[in-house]
Amino acid sequence: VLATDITKHFKLISEFKTKSATAGLNSSKKEDIQLVLVMIMKLADLGHTAKSCALHINWCNRITQEFFHQV
């Protein structure tokens, strides 16, 4: 859930861009592995917006129903 928290979106994007462009990501560093996994989670969370309009609307309806069931 924290990976998809919109309040942390720009901080995470900035950190990922900076690490990728400068020192690079090191697969033996726990922090870098965690950052990559967080980015994968963000992509999975937002990826449906790149789908066809009908499929995107279908997923929006599903997540909205899920939110209402949690209340």
PDB file of N, CA and C in Angstrom:
ATOM      1  N   VAL A   1       0.829  -1.190   0.000  1.00  0.00           N
ATOM      2  CA  VAL A   1       0.000   0.000   0.000  1.00  0.00           C
ATOM      3  C   VAL A   1       0.874   1.254   0.000  1.00  0.00           C
ATOM      4  N   LEU A   2       1.937   1.240   0.775  1.00  0.00           N
ATOM      5  CA  LEU A   2       2.787   2.429   0.839  1.00  0.00           C
ATOM      6  C   LEU A   2       3.443   2.738  -0.498  1.00  0.00           C
ATOM      7  N   ALA A   3       3.696   1.720  -1.295  1.00  0.00           N
ATOM      8  CA  ALA A   3       4.323   1.946  -2.598  1.00  0.00           C
ATOM      9  C   ALA A   3       3.406   2.720  -3.539  1.00  0.00           C
ATOM     10  N   THR A   4       2.114   2.601  -3.328  1.00  0.00           N
ATOM     11  CA  THR A   4       1.174   3.266  -4.222  1.00  0.00           C
ATOM     12  C   THR A   4       0.580   4.531  -3.607  1.00  0.00           C
ATOM     13  N   ASP A   5       1.094   4.953  -2.472  1.00  0.00           N
ATOM     14  CA  ASP A   5       0.621   6.169  -1.805  1.00  0.00           C
ATOM     15  C   ASP A   5       0.984   7.382  -2.652  1.00  0.00           C
ATOM     16  N   ILE A   6      -0.013   8.091  -3.137  1.00  0.00           N
ATOM     17  CA  ILE A   6       0.203   9.215  -4.051  1.00  0.00           C
ATOM     18  C   ILE A   6       0.961  10.363  -3.390  1.00  0.00           C
ATOM     19  N   THR A   7       0.886  10.471  -2.063  1.00  0.00           N
ATOM     20  CA  THR A   7       1.614  11.551  -1.389  1.00  0.00           C
ATOM     21  C   THR A   7       3.123  11.345  -1.459  1.00  0.00           C
ATOM     22  N   LYS A   8       3.559  10.130  -1.743  1.00  0.00           N
ATOM     23  CA  LYS A   8       4.997   9.838  -1.850  1.00  0.00           C
ATOM     24  C   LYS A   8       5.447   9.666  -3.296  1.00  0.00           C
ATOM     25  N   HIS A   9       4.530   9.855  -4.219  1.00  0.00           N
ATOM     26  CA  HIS A   9       4.794   9.597  -5.634  1.00  0.00           C
ATOM     27  C   HIS A   9       6.006  10.366  -6.165  1.00  0.00           C
ATOM     28  N   PHE A  10       5.991  11.672  -6.036  1.00  0.00           N
ATOM     29  CA  PHE A  10       7.044  12.483  -6.643  1.00  0.00           C
ATOM     30  C   PHE A  10       8.393  12.265  -5.970  1.00  0.00           C
ATOM     31  N   LYS A  11       8.401  12.014  -4.675  1.00  0.00           N
ATOM     32  CA  LYS A  11       9.649  11.721  -3.965  1.00  0.00           C
ATOM     33  C   LYS A  11      10.255  10.417  -4.495  1.00  0.00           C
ATOM     34  N   LEU A  12       9.423   9.391  -4.666  1.00  0.00           N
ATOM     35  CA  LEU A  12       9.909   8.108  -5.172  1.00  0.00           C
ATOM     36  C   LEU A  12      10.409   8.224  -6.611  1.00  0.00           C
ATOM     37  N   ILE A  13       9.657   8.923  -7.443  1.00  0.00           N
ATOM     38  CA  ILE A  13      10.061   9.102  -8.840  1.00  0.00           C
ATOM     39  C   ILE A  13      11.396   9.836  -8.902  1.00  0.00           C
ATOM     40  N   SER A  14      11.524  10.880  -8.126  1.00  0.00           N
ATOM     41  CA  SER A  14      12.756  11.654  -8.098  1.00  0.00           C
ATOM     42  C   SER A  14      13.939  10.797  -7.632  1.00  0.00           C
ATOM     43  N   GLU A  15      13.734  10.042  -6.571  1.00  0.00           N
ATOM     44  CA  GLU A  15      14.804   9.176  -6.058  1.00  0.00           C
ATOM     45  C   GLU A  15      15.211   8.136  -7.097  1.00  0.00           C
ATOM     46  N   PHE A  16      14.236   7.543  -7.764  1.00  0.00           N
ATOM     47  CA  PHE A  16      14.529   6.535  -8.779  1.00  0.00           C
ATOM     48  C   PHE A  16      15.294   7.138  -9.962  1.00  0.00           C
ATOM     49  N   LYS A  17      14.837   8.291 -10.434  1.00  0.00           N
ATOM     50  CA  LYS A  17      15.516   8.954 -11.553  1.00  0.00           C
ATOM     51  C   LYS A  17      16.948   9.322 -11.188  1.00  0.00           C
ATOM     52  N   THR A  18      17.135   9.881 -10.002  1.00  0.00           N
ATOM     53  CA  THR A  18      18.464  10.299  -9.568  1.00  0.00           C
ATOM     54  C   THR A  18      19.404   9.105  -9.472  1.00  0.00           C
ATOM     55  N   LYS A  19      18.948   8.032  -8.818  1.00  0.00           N
ATOM     56  CA  LYS A  19      19.796   6.846  -8.671  1.00  0.00           C
ATOM     57  C   LYS A  19      20.117   6.228 -10.015  1.00  0.00           C
ATOM     58  N   SER A  20      19.135   6.157 -10.903  1.00  0.00           N
ATOM     59  CA  SER A  20      19.357   5.542 -12.214  1.00  0.00           C
ATOM     60  C   SER A  20      20.335   6.353 -13.050  1.00  0.00           C
ATOM     61  N   ALA A  21      20.251   7.667 -12.960  1.00  0.00           N
ATOM     62  CA  ALA A  21      21.059   8.535 -13.815  1.00  0.00           C
ATOM     63  C   ALA A  21      22.462   8.760 -13.279  1.00  0.00           C
ATOM     64  N   THR A  22      22.652   8.657 -11.983  1.00  0.00           N
ATOM     65  CA  THR A  22      23.970   8.960 -11.412  1.00  0.00           C
ATOM     66  C   THR A  22      24.744   7.685 -11.111  1.00  0.00           C
ATOM     67  N   ALA A  23      24.650   7.205  -9.902  1.00  0.00           N
ATOM     68  CA  ALA A  23      25.441   6.044  -9.470  1.00  0.00           C
ATOM     69  C   ALA A  23      24.908   4.738 -10.044  1.00  0.00           C
ATOM     70  N   GLY A  24      23.680   4.744 -10.465  1.00  0.00           N
ATOM     71  CA  GLY A  24      23.072   3.514 -10.956  1.00  0.00           C
ATOM     72  C   GLY A  24      22.505   2.698  -9.805  1.00  0.00           C
ATOM     73  N   LEU A  25      21.708   1.721 -10.165  1.00  0.00           N
ATOM     74  CA  LEU A  25      21.092   0.861  -9.162  1.00  0.00           C
ATOM     75  C   LEU A  25      21.961  -0.376  -8.981  1.00  0.00           C
ATOM     76  N   ASN A  26      22.216  -0.735  -7.748  1.00  0.00           N
ATOM     77  CA  ASN A  26      23.077  -1.864  -7.424  1.00  0.00           C
ATOM     78  C   ASN A  26      22.207  -3.011  -6.912  1.00  0.00           C
ATOM     79  N   SER A  27      22.214  -4.131  -7.632  1.00  0.00           N
ATOM     80  CA  SER A  27      21.348  -5.253  -7.268  1.00  0.00           C
ATOM     81  C   SER A  27      21.789  -5.974  -5.996  1.00  0.00           C
ATOM     82  N   SER A  28      22.915  -5.591  -5.451  1.00  0.00           N
ATOM     83  CA  SER A  28      23.346  -6.213  -4.189  1.00  0.00           C
ATOM     84  C   SER A  28      23.014  -5.328  -2.980  1.00  0.00           C
ATOM     85  N   LYS A  29      22.492  -4.129  -3.239  1.00  0.00           N
ATOM     86  CA  LYS A  29      22.098  -3.227  -2.146  1.00  0.00           C
ATOM     87  C   LYS A  29      20.619  -3.392  -1.854  1.00  0.00           C
ATOM     88  N   LYS A  30      20.312  -3.656  -0.597  1.00  0.00           N
ATOM     89  CA  LYS A  30      18.922  -3.867  -0.185  1.00  0.00           C
ATOM     90  C   LYS A  30      18.046  -2.662  -0.519  1.00  0.00           C
ATOM     91  N   GLU A  31      18.560  -1.448  -0.319  1.00  0.00           N
ATOM     92  CA  GLU A  31      17.776  -0.235  -0.580  1.00  0.00           C
ATOM     93  C   GLU A  31      17.425  -0.112  -2.060  1.00  0.00           C
ATOM     94  N   ASP A  32      18.373  -0.462  -2.925  1.00  0.00           N
ATOM     95  CA  ASP A  32      18.121  -0.363  -4.363  1.00  0.00           C
ATOM     96  C   ASP A  32      17.114  -1.416  -4.826  1.00  0.00           C
ATOM     97  N   ILE A  33      17.222  -2.610  -4.269  1.00  0.00           N
ATOM     98  CA  ILE A  33      16.262  -3.665  -4.597  1.00  0.00           C
ATOM     99  C   ILE A  33      14.865  -3.233  -4.177  1.00  0.00           C
ATOM    100  N   GLN A  34      14.757  -2.677  -2.983  1.00  0.00           N
ATOM    101  CA  GLN A  34      13.459  -2.226  -2.477  1.00  0.00           C
ATOM    102  C   GLN A  34      12.901  -1.101  -3.359  1.00  0.00           C
ATOM    103  N   LEU A  35      13.759  -0.185  -3.790  1.00  0.00           N
ATOM    104  CA  LEU A  35      13.312   0.911  -4.649  1.00  0.00           C
ATOM    105  C   LEU A  35      12.777   0.376  -5.972  1.00  0.00           C
ATOM    106  N   VAL A  36      13.455  -0.583  -6.564  1.00  0.00           N
ATOM    107  CA  VAL A  36      12.993  -1.175  -7.824  1.00  0.00           C
ATOM    108  C   VAL A  36      11.659  -1.889  -7.620  1.00  0.00           C
ATOM    109  N   LEU A  37      11.526  -2.616  -6.519  1.00  0.00           N
ATOM    110  CA  LEU A  37      10.261  -3.306  -6.237  1.00  0.00           C
ATOM    111  C   LEU A  37       9.112  -2.316  -6.036  1.00  0.00           C
ATOM    112  N   VAL A  38       9.395  -1.195  -5.385  1.00  0.00           N
ATOM    113  CA  VAL A  38       8.380  -0.159  -5.200  1.00  0.00           C
ATOM    114  C   VAL A  38       7.956   0.404  -6.557  1.00  0.00           C
ATOM    115  N   MET A  39       8.916   0.634  -7.432  1.00  0.00           N
ATOM    116  CA  MET A  39       8.594   1.156  -8.766  1.00  0.00           C
ATOM    117  C   MET A  39       7.764   0.151  -9.558  1.00  0.00           C
ATOM    118  N   ILE A  40       8.076  -1.129  -9.437  1.00  0.00           N
ATOM    119  CA  ILE A  40       7.284  -2.160 -10.113  1.00  0.00           C
ATOM    120  C   ILE A  40       5.847  -2.136  -9.597  1.00  0.00           C
ATOM    121  N   MET A  41       5.701  -1.986  -8.292  1.00  0.00           N
ATOM    122  CA  MET A  41       4.359  -1.924  -7.696  1.00  0.00           C
ATOM    123  C   MET A  41       3.598  -0.701  -8.215  1.00  0.00           C
ATOM    124  N   LYS A  42       4.278   0.440  -8.329  1.00  0.00           N
ATOM    125  CA  LYS A  42       3.636   1.654  -8.843  1.00  0.00           C
ATOM    126  C   LYS A  42       3.191   1.442 -10.288  1.00  0.00           C
ATOM    127  N   LEU A  43       4.045   0.820 -11.093  1.00  0.00           N
ATOM    128  CA  LEU A  43       3.696   0.567 -12.493  1.00  0.00           C
ATOM    129  C   LEU A  43       2.496  -0.368 -12.602  1.00  0.00           C
ATOM    130  N   ALA A  44       2.467  -1.385 -11.755  1.00  0.00           N
ATOM    131  CA  ALA A  44       1.338  -2.317 -11.767  1.00  0.00           C
ATOM    132  C   ALA A  44       0.057  -1.601 -11.346  1.00  0.00           C
ATOM    133  N   ASP A  45       0.182  -0.695 -10.386  1.00  0.00           N
ATOM    134  CA  ASP A  45      -0.984   0.027  -9.888  1.00  0.00           C
ATOM    135  C   ASP A  45      -1.561   0.983 -10.937  1.00  0.00           C
ATOM    136  N   LEU A  46      -0.700   1.607 -11.710  1.00  0.00           N
ATOM    137  CA  LEU A  46      -1.141   2.620 -12.677  1.00  0.00           C
ATOM    138  C   LEU A  46      -1.210   2.108 -14.115  1.00  0.00           C
ATOM    139  N   GLY A  47      -0.765   0.887 -14.341  1.00  0.00           N
ATOM    140  CA  GLY A  47      -0.649   0.352 -15.699  1.00  0.00           C
ATOM    141  C   GLY A  47      -1.942   0.241 -16.469  1.00  0.00           C
ATOM    142  N   HIS A  48      -3.063   0.069 -15.764  1.00  0.00           N
ATOM    143  CA  HIS A  48      -4.329  -0.099 -16.480  1.00  0.00           C
ATOM    144  C   HIS A  48      -4.707   1.149 -17.269  1.00  0.00           C
ATOM    145  N   THR A  49      -4.133   2.285 -16.933  1.00  0.00           N
ATOM    146  CA  THR A  49      -4.472   3.509 -17.667  1.00  0.00           C
ATOM    147  C   THR A  49      -3.932   3.487 -19.095  1.00  0.00           C
ATOM    148  N   ALA A  50      -2.992   2.599 -19.380  1.00  0.00           N
ATOM    149  CA  ALA A  50      -2.441   2.482 -20.727  1.00  0.00           C
ATOM    150  C   ALA A  50      -3.213   1.474 -21.579  1.00  0.00           C
ATOM    151  N   LYS A  51      -4.180   0.824 -20.989  1.00  0.00           N
ATOM    152  CA  LYS A  51      -4.989  -0.164 -21.707  1.00  0.00           C
ATOM    153  C   LYS A  51      -6.067   0.535 -22.531  1.00  0.00           C
ATOM    154  N   SER A  52      -6.813  -0.263 -23.270  1.00  0.00           N
ATOM    155  CA  SER A  52      -7.917   0.305 -24.053  1.00  0.00           C
ATOM    156  C   SER A  52      -8.913   0.956 -23.096  1.00  0.00           C
ATOM    157  N   CYS A  53      -9.693   1.874 -23.611  1.00  0.00           N
ATOM    158  CA  CYS A  53     -10.637   2.626 -22.781  1.00  0.00           C
ATOM    159  C   CYS A  53     -11.617   1.691 -22.069  1.00  0.00           C
ATOM    160  N   ALA A  54     -12.141   0.699 -22.765  1.00  0.00           N
ATOM    161  CA  ALA A  54     -13.107  -0.223 -22.163  1.00  0.00           C
ATOM    162  C   ALA A  54     -12.477  -1.010 -21.023  1.00  0.00           C
ATOM    163  N   LEU A  55     -11.260  -1.482 -21.220  1.00  0.00           N
ATOM    164  CA  LEU A  55     -10.570  -2.243 -20.181  1.00  0.00           C
ATOM    165  C   LEU A  55     -10.217  -1.351 -18.994  1.00  0.00           C
ATOM    166  N   HIS A  56      -9.787  -0.142 -19.283  1.00  0.00           N
ATOM    167  CA  HIS A  56      -9.473   0.825 -18.226  1.00  0.00           C
ATOM    168  C   HIS A  56     -10.715   1.117 -17.369  1.00  0.00           C
ATOM    169  N   ILE A  57     -11.835   1.353 -17.997  1.00  0.00           N
ATOM    170  CA  ILE A  57     -13.075   1.621 -17.262  1.00  0.00           C
ATOM    171  C   ILE A  57     -13.472   0.407 -16.422  1.00  0.00           C
ATOM    172  N   ASN A  58     -13.300  -0.777 -16.986  1.00  0.00           N
ATOM    173  CA  ASN A  58     -13.600  -2.007 -16.252  1.00  0.00           C
ATOM    174  C   ASN A  58     -12.770  -2.076 -14.961  1.00  0.00           C
ATOM    175  N   TRP A  59     -11.477  -1.814 -15.050  1.00  0.00           N
ATOM    176  CA  TRP A  59     -10.607  -1.858 -13.861  1.00  0.00           C
ATOM    177  C   TRP A  59     -10.942  -0.736 -12.884  1.00  0.00           C
ATOM    178  N   CYS A  60     -11.294   0.419 -13.380  1.00  0.00           N
ATOM    179  CA  CYS A  60     -11.704   1.522 -12.488  1.00  0.00           C
ATOM    180  C   CYS A  60     -12.957   1.139 -11.701  1.00  0.00           C
ATOM    181  N   ASN A  61     -13.905   0.526 -12.376  1.00  0.00           N
ATOM    182  CA  ASN A  61     -15.118   0.075 -11.689  1.00  0.00           C
ATOM    183  C   ASN A  61     -14.799  -0.975 -10.630  1.00  0.00           C
ATOM    184  N   ARG A  62     -13.901  -1.894 -10.952  1.00  0.00           N
ATOM    185  CA  ARG A  62     -13.533  -2.935  -9.989  1.00  0.00           C
ATOM    186  C   ARG A  62     -12.861  -2.359  -8.745  1.00  0.00           C
ATOM    187  N   ILE A  63     -11.947  -1.430  -8.928  1.00  0.00           N
ATOM    188  CA  ILE A  63     -11.245  -0.862  -7.768  1.00  0.00           C
ATOM    189  C   ILE A  63     -12.191  -0.003  -6.937  1.00  0.00           C
ATOM    190  N   THR A  64     -13.115   0.677  -7.600  1.00  0.00           N
ATOM    191  CA  THR A  64     -14.097   1.472  -6.866  1.00  0.00           C
ATOM    192  C   THR A  64     -14.971   0.566  -6.006  1.00  0.00           C
ATOM    193  N   GLN A  65     -15.416  -0.548  -6.561  1.00  0.00           N
ATOM    194  CA  GLN A  65     -16.208  -1.517  -5.784  1.00  0.00           C
ATOM    195  C   GLN A  65     -15.402  -2.043  -4.602  1.00  0.00           C
ATOM    196  N   GLU A  66     -14.133  -2.337  -4.834  1.00  0.00           N
ATOM    197  CA  GLU A  66     -13.275  -2.829  -3.743  1.00  0.00           C
ATOM    198  C   GLU A  66     -13.168  -1.795  -2.625  1.00  0.00           C
ATOM    199  N   PHE A  67     -13.006  -0.533  -2.983  1.00  0.00           N
ATOM    200  CA  PHE A  67     -12.916   0.528  -1.976  1.00  0.00           C
ATOM    201  C   PHE A  67     -14.195   0.600  -1.139  1.00  0.00           C
ATOM    202  N   PHE A  68     -15.358   0.531  -1.801  1.00  0.00           N
ATOM    203  CA  PHE A  68     -16.619   0.621  -1.073  1.00  0.00           C
ATOM    204  C   PHE A  68     -16.845  -0.586  -0.168  1.00  0.00           C
ATOM    205  N   HIS A  69     -16.339  -1.749  -0.555  1.00  0.00           N
ATOM    206  CA  HIS A  69     -16.478  -2.941   0.285  1.00  0.00           C
ATOM    207  C   HIS A  69     -15.596  -2.874   1.514  1.00  0.00           C
ATOM    208  N   GLN A  70     -14.566  -2.055   1.504  1.00  0.00           N
ATOM    209  CA  GLN A  70     -13.664  -1.927   2.643  1.00  0.00           C
ATOM    210  C   GLN A  70     -14.216  -1.007   3.721  1.00  0.00           C
ATOM    211  N   VAL A  71     -15.222  -0.229   3.400  1.00  0.00           N
ATOM    212  CA  VAL A  71     -15.762   0.737   4.365  1.00  0.00           C
ATOM    213  C   VAL A  71     -16.638   0.064   5.377  1.00  0.00           C
TER     214      VAL A  71
END
